[in-house]
Amino acid sequence: MMGPAHSLSGAAAWLGVGAAAAAFDHPMPWPVLLAGALLCAGAALAPDLDHKSATISRAFGPVSRGLCEIVDKLSYAVYKATRSPQDPRRSGGHRTLTHTWLWAVLIGGGCSAAAVTGGRWAVLAILFVHLVLAVEGLLWRAARMSSDVLVWLLGATSAWILAGVLDQPGNGSDWLFTGPGQEYLWLGLPIVLGALVHDIGDALTVSGCPILWPIPIARKRWYPIGPPKGMRFRAGSWVELKVLMPAFMVLGGVGGASALGFL
């Protein structure tokens, strides 16, 4: 799928988690719901760090473009080193390592660990990166028409304000994990979810997605998971733009209203 659909699906997914949490009598404070939706929307772009033409490659200028090249080479090296004889030969690393459940868990776990051990500045850095990505995804046309500096300033300002709100007692820095020193441990959850939602979205397209690597399926290490061929669509097609994106908006709205107790 394209960047805006990925980000919308990520935001909708976290709002759905918020609705489920409320249904199980563990509601999210509104700052957690908001921050999680934005983190998840940003994280839903991150698996395309292996693709130099993706939205994320433009988000941070030369830094993200250089990082995309490194991750592409790393992913390709891992693919070559682990492919089975049944896996096809490739010329690049797109839709390999960064499009797996293992990558999602490692990235999310790393962010949680950084948030817990690194203190406020680590939390601000995690929020900043993902809020910039969320702006790039959710406000794609507006972000493309504005300068990168303005998008970065918006991300930095929003991260600072949101962290300040979350730090207030009862606003959610210790949501879900309430032990001493566990503040912001939950921060990795929307990041894991965003990456997995990205992978599921790509699995619906014609190429499928090797979400379950390194678990072998049909004698392949990199089996492209997906529905039957007739149910798949091409990225950017009318199915994505006219059906899925409006559906994500509706589901996200319903989930958010339920999470906040309006439904």
Protein backbone atom coordinates (compact mmCIF):
# COMPACT_ATOMS: atom_id res chain seq x y z
CA MET A 1 0.00 0.00 0.00
CA MET A 2 0.93 3.66 -0.29
CA GLY A 3 2.06 5.84 2.61
CA PRO A 4 -1.27 7.58 3.45
CA ALA A 5 -3.14 4.26 3.58
CA HIS A 6 -0.46 2.74 5.79
CA SER A 7 -0.61 5.66 8.23
CA LEU A 8 -4.40 5.69 8.33
CA SER A 9 -4.49 1.96 9.00
CA GLY A 10 -1.95 2.38 11.81
CA ALA A 11 -3.93 5.16 13.51
CA ALA A 12 -7.17 3.17 13.15
CA ALA A 13 -5.50 0.08 14.61
CA TRP A 14 -4.39 1.88 17.79
CA LEU A 15 -7.79 3.53 18.20
CA GLY A 16 -9.26 0.03 17.96
CA VAL A 17 -6.86 -1.12 20.68
CA GLY A 18 -8.09 1.80 22.77
CA ALA A 19 -11.68 0.65 22.30
CA ALA A 20 -10.73 -2.91 23.29
CA ALA A 21 -8.85 -1.65 26.36
CA ALA A 22 -11.93 0.32 27.46
CA ALA A 23 -14.14 -2.74 26.90
CA PHE A 24 -11.86 -4.78 29.17
CA ASP A 25 -12.03 -2.12 31.90
CA HIS A 26 -8.51 -0.77 31.38
CA PRO A 27 -9.19 2.46 29.47
CA MET A 28 -6.44 4.62 28.05
CA PRO A 29 -6.15 8.23 29.20
CA TRP A 30 -6.79 10.46 26.22
CA PRO A 31 -3.10 11.48 25.89
CA VAL A 32 -2.14 7.79 25.53
CA LEU A 33 -4.85 7.30 22.92
CA LEU A 34 -3.67 10.34 20.97
CA ALA A 35 0.06 9.66 21.31
CA GLY A 36 -0.40 5.98 20.50
CA ALA A 37 -2.45 6.74 17.39
CA LEU A 38 0.22 9.13 16.11
CA LEU A 39 3.06 6.75 17.00
CA CYS A 40 1.27 3.90 15.27
CA ALA A 41 0.57 6.05 12.20
CA GLY A 42 4.25 6.94 11.98
CA ALA A 43 5.47 3.42 12.69
CA ALA A 44 3.23 2.14 9.90
CA LEU A 45 5.59 3.84 7.43
CA ALA A 46 8.81 2.58 9.00
CA PRO A 47 9.07 -0.89 7.38
CA ASP A 48 9.62 0.85 4.03
CA LEU A 49 13.01 1.95 5.36
CA ASP A 50 14.31 -0.63 2.87
CA HIS A 51 12.97 1.34 -0.12
CA LYS A 52 14.72 4.50 -1.31
CA SER A 53 11.58 5.86 -3.02
CA ALA A 54 9.28 5.45 -0.02
CA THR A 55 7.83 8.32 2.02
CA ILE A 56 10.15 7.59 4.93
CA SER A 57 13.23 8.04 2.73
CA ARG A 58 12.28 11.71 2.22
CA ALA A 59 11.14 12.42 5.77
CA PHE A 60 14.52 13.41 7.24
CA GLY A 61 16.44 14.52 4.17
CA PRO A 62 19.92 13.07 3.54
CA VAL A 63 19.88 11.22 6.88
CA SER A 64 16.84 9.09 6.02
CA ARG A 65 17.96 8.61 2.41
CA GLY A 66 21.33 7.32 3.57
CA LEU A 67 19.71 5.11 6.20
CA CYS A 68 17.38 3.65 3.57
CA GLU A 69 20.35 2.64 1.43
CA ILE A 70 22.03 0.97 4.41
CA VAL A 71 18.89 -0.90 5.44
CA ASP A 72 18.25 -2.00 1.85
CA LYS A 73 21.74 -3.49 1.63
CA LEU A 74 21.41 -5.11 5.07
CA SER A 75 18.03 -6.61 4.19
CA TYR A 76 19.35 -7.94 0.90
CA ALA A 77 22.36 -9.49 2.65
CA VAL A 78 20.09 -11.22 5.18
CA TYR A 79 17.84 -12.46 2.39
CA LYS A 80 20.73 -13.94 0.43
CA ALA A 81 22.20 -15.56 3.54
CA THR A 82 18.92 -17.18 4.64
CA ARG A 83 16.95 -17.90 1.45
CA SER A 84 16.06 -21.49 0.64
CA PRO A 85 16.45 -23.00 -2.86
CA GLN A 86 12.72 -22.40 -3.39
CA ASP A 87 12.91 -18.67 -2.64
CA PRO A 88 13.37 -16.54 -5.79
CA ARG A 89 16.51 -14.58 -6.49
CA ARG A 90 16.29 -10.83 -5.84
CA SER A 91 18.23 -7.71 -6.74
CA GLY A 92 17.34 -5.71 -3.61
CA GLY A 93 16.09 -5.96 -0.05
CA HIS A 94 12.63 -4.37 -0.31
CA ARG A 95 9.88 -6.33 1.46
CA THR A 96 12.27 -8.68 3.21
CA LEU A 97 13.79 -8.17 6.67
CA THR A 98 11.91 -5.00 7.67
CA HIS A 99 8.60 -6.56 6.64
CA THR A 100 8.65 -9.36 9.22
CA TRP A 101 7.16 -9.87 12.68
CA LEU A 102 10.65 -10.26 14.10
CA TRP A 103 11.73 -6.81 12.90
CA ALA A 104 8.53 -5.27 14.33
CA VAL A 105 9.13 -6.82 17.75
CA LEU A 106 12.81 -5.84 17.82
CA ILE A 107 12.12 -2.23 16.85
CA GLY A 108 9.23 -1.86 19.28
CA GLY A 109 11.16 -3.55 22.09
CA GLY A 110 14.16 -1.34 21.40
CA CYS A 111 12.01 1.80 21.61
CA SER A 112 10.47 0.64 24.91
CA ALA A 113 13.90 -0.08 26.35
CA ALA A 114 15.22 3.29 25.17
CA ALA A 115 12.21 5.11 26.65
CA VAL A 116 12.65 3.44 30.04
CA THR A 117 16.43 3.76 30.28
CA GLY A 118 17.02 6.98 28.34
CA GLY A 119 14.62 9.24 30.20
CA ARG A 120 12.83 12.28 28.83
CA TRP A 121 15.18 12.94 25.92
CA ALA A 122 14.78 9.40 24.61
CA VAL A 123 11.00 9.74 24.84
CA LEU A 124 11.17 13.05 22.99
CA ALA A 125 13.35 11.53 20.26
CA ILE A 126 10.96 8.59 19.76
CA LEU A 127 7.96 10.93 19.65
CA PHE A 128 9.69 13.35 17.27
CA VAL A 129 10.66 10.69 14.72
CA HIS A 130 7.24 9.08 14.66
CA LEU A 131 5.28 12.34 14.71
CA VAL A 132 7.22 13.56 11.67
CA LEU A 133 6.40 10.28 9.93
CA ALA A 134 2.75 10.62 10.98
CA VAL A 135 2.59 14.10 9.43
CA GLU A 136 4.22 12.78 6.25
CA GLY A 137 1.68 9.95 6.07
CA LEU A 138 -1.58 11.46 7.30
CA LEU A 139 -1.03 14.91 5.76
CA TRP A 140 0.84 13.68 2.71
CA ARG A 141 -0.13 16.40 0.21
CA ALA A 142 0.30 19.23 2.71
CA ALA A 143 3.65 17.83 3.85
CA ARG A 144 4.91 17.59 0.27
CA MET A 145 3.89 21.20 -0.44
CA SER A 146 5.62 22.56 2.69
CA SER A 147 9.31 22.62 3.51
CA ASP A 148 10.95 19.79 5.42
CA VAL A 149 12.02 22.24 8.12
CA LEU A 150 8.40 23.19 8.83
CA VAL A 151 7.43 19.51 9.15
CA TRP A 152 10.36 18.92 11.52
CA LEU A 153 9.40 21.94 13.61
CA LEU A 154 5.82 20.70 13.80
CA GLY A 155 7.06 17.27 14.86
CA ALA A 156 9.43 18.68 17.48
CA THR A 157 6.85 21.08 18.93
CA SER A 158 4.16 18.40 19.03
CA ALA A 159 6.55 15.93 20.68
CA TRP A 160 7.50 18.46 23.37
CA ILE A 161 3.87 19.34 24.14
CA LEU A 162 2.69 15.72 24.10
CA ALA A 163 5.51 14.56 26.38
CA GLY A 164 4.67 17.36 28.80
CA VAL A 165 1.01 16.30 28.88
CA LEU A 166 1.86 12.62 29.33
CA ASP A 167 4.19 13.44 32.22
CA GLN A 168 1.33 14.91 34.25
CA PRO A 169 -0.05 12.57 36.96
CA GLY A 170 -2.87 10.40 35.63
CA ASN A 171 -2.21 11.27 31.98
CA GLY A 172 -0.64 7.98 31.05
CA SER A 173 3.14 7.86 31.27
CA ASP A 174 2.63 4.78 33.46
CA TRP A 175 -0.35 3.38 31.57
CA LEU A 176 -0.47 -0.44 31.56
CA PHE A 177 2.91 -0.79 33.31
CA THR A 178 2.68 0.77 36.76
CA GLY A 179 5.82 -0.48 38.50
CA PRO A 180 8.57 1.89 39.60
CA GLY A 181 10.78 2.88 36.67
CA GLN A 182 8.34 1.50 34.09
CA GLU A 183 7.07 4.84 32.83
CA TYR A 184 6.74 4.85 29.03
CA LEU A 185 7.34 1.11 28.79
CA TRP A 186 4.13 0.96 26.75
CA LEU A 187 5.65 3.25 24.12
CA GLY A 188 6.87 0.31 22.03
CA LEU A 189 3.40 -1.24 21.69
CA PRO A 190 2.01 1.16 19.06
CA ILE A 191 5.34 0.91 17.22
CA VAL A 192 5.10 -2.89 17.02
CA LEU A 193 1.46 -2.62 16.00
CA GLY A 194 2.19 -0.03 13.32
CA ALA A 195 4.87 -2.20 11.73
CA LEU A 196 2.62 -5.27 11.76
CA VAL A 197 -0.29 -3.33 10.28
CA HIS A 198 2.04 -2.17 7.50
CA ASP A 199 3.00 -5.78 6.79
CA ILE A 200 -0.61 -6.92 6.75
CA GLY A 201 -1.48 -4.11 4.35
CA ASP A 202 1.34 -5.11 2.01
CA ALA A 203 0.21 -8.74 2.25
CA LEU A 204 -3.07 -7.71 0.65
CA THR A 205 -1.29 -6.48 -2.47
CA VAL A 206 -0.26 -8.57 -5.47
CA SER A 207 3.26 -9.25 -4.14
CA GLY A 208 2.31 -10.48 -0.68
CA CYS A 209 4.59 -10.04 2.34
CA PRO A 210 6.94 -12.44 4.19
CA ILE A 211 5.54 -11.51 7.61
CA LEU A 212 6.32 -14.86 9.26
CA TRP A 213 10.04 -15.08 8.40
CA PRO A 214 12.07 -17.00 9.53
CA ILE A 215 9.32 -19.61 9.95
CA PRO A 216 9.43 -21.81 6.81
CA ILE A 217 6.23 -22.24 4.80
CA ALA A 218 5.92 -24.49 1.74
CA ARG A 219 9.69 -25.04 1.90
CA LYS A 220 10.32 -21.30 1.59
CA ARG A 221 11.95 -19.11 4.22
CA TRP A 222 10.53 -15.94 2.69
CA TYR A 223 7.04 -17.11 1.81
CA PRO A 224 4.89 -14.11 0.71
CA ILE A 225 1.81 -14.33 2.93
CA GLY A 226 -1.42 -13.04 1.38
CA PRO A 227 -5.02 -13.83 0.49
CA PRO A 228 -5.94 -15.75 -2.70
CA LYS A 229 -4.63 -14.01 -5.82
CA GLY A 230 -8.09 -12.87 -6.90
CA MET A 231 -8.55 -10.91 -3.67
CA ARG A 232 -5.31 -8.91 -3.94
CA PHE A 233 -4.91 -5.42 -5.39
CA ARG A 234 -2.14 -3.18 -6.70
CA ALA A 235 -0.73 -0.44 -4.48
CA GLY A 236 -2.40 2.87 -5.25
CA SER A 237 -5.36 1.24 -7.00
CA TRP A 238 -8.99 2.28 -6.57
CA VAL A 239 -9.49 -0.44 -3.97
CA GLU A 240 -6.96 1.24 -1.71
CA LEU A 241 -8.08 4.81 -2.40
CA LYS A 242 -11.87 4.39 -2.62
CA VAL A 243 -12.53 1.46 -0.30
CA LEU A 244 -9.78 0.87 2.24
CA MET A 245 -8.86 4.44 3.15
CA PRO A 246 -12.48 5.51 3.83
CA ALA A 247 -12.96 2.29 5.80
CA PHE A 248 -9.89 3.08 7.93
CA MET A 249 -11.28 6.55 8.65
CA VAL A 250 -14.66 5.18 9.75
CA LEU A 251 -13.14 2.39 11.85
CA GLY A 252 -10.72 4.81 13.46
CA GLY A 253 -13.54 7.22 14.31
CA VAL A 254 -15.66 4.46 15.83
CA GLY A 255 -12.68 3.09 17.75
CA GLY A 256 -11.72 6.50 19.10
CA ALA A 257 -15.28 7.30 20.18
CA SER A 258 -15.55 3.92 21.92
CA ALA A 259 -12.18 4.36 23.64
CA LEU A 260 -13.26 7.73 25.02
CA GLY A 261 -16.60 6.40 26.23
CA PHE A 262 -18.84 8.14 23.70
CA LEU A 263 -20.20 4.82 22.37
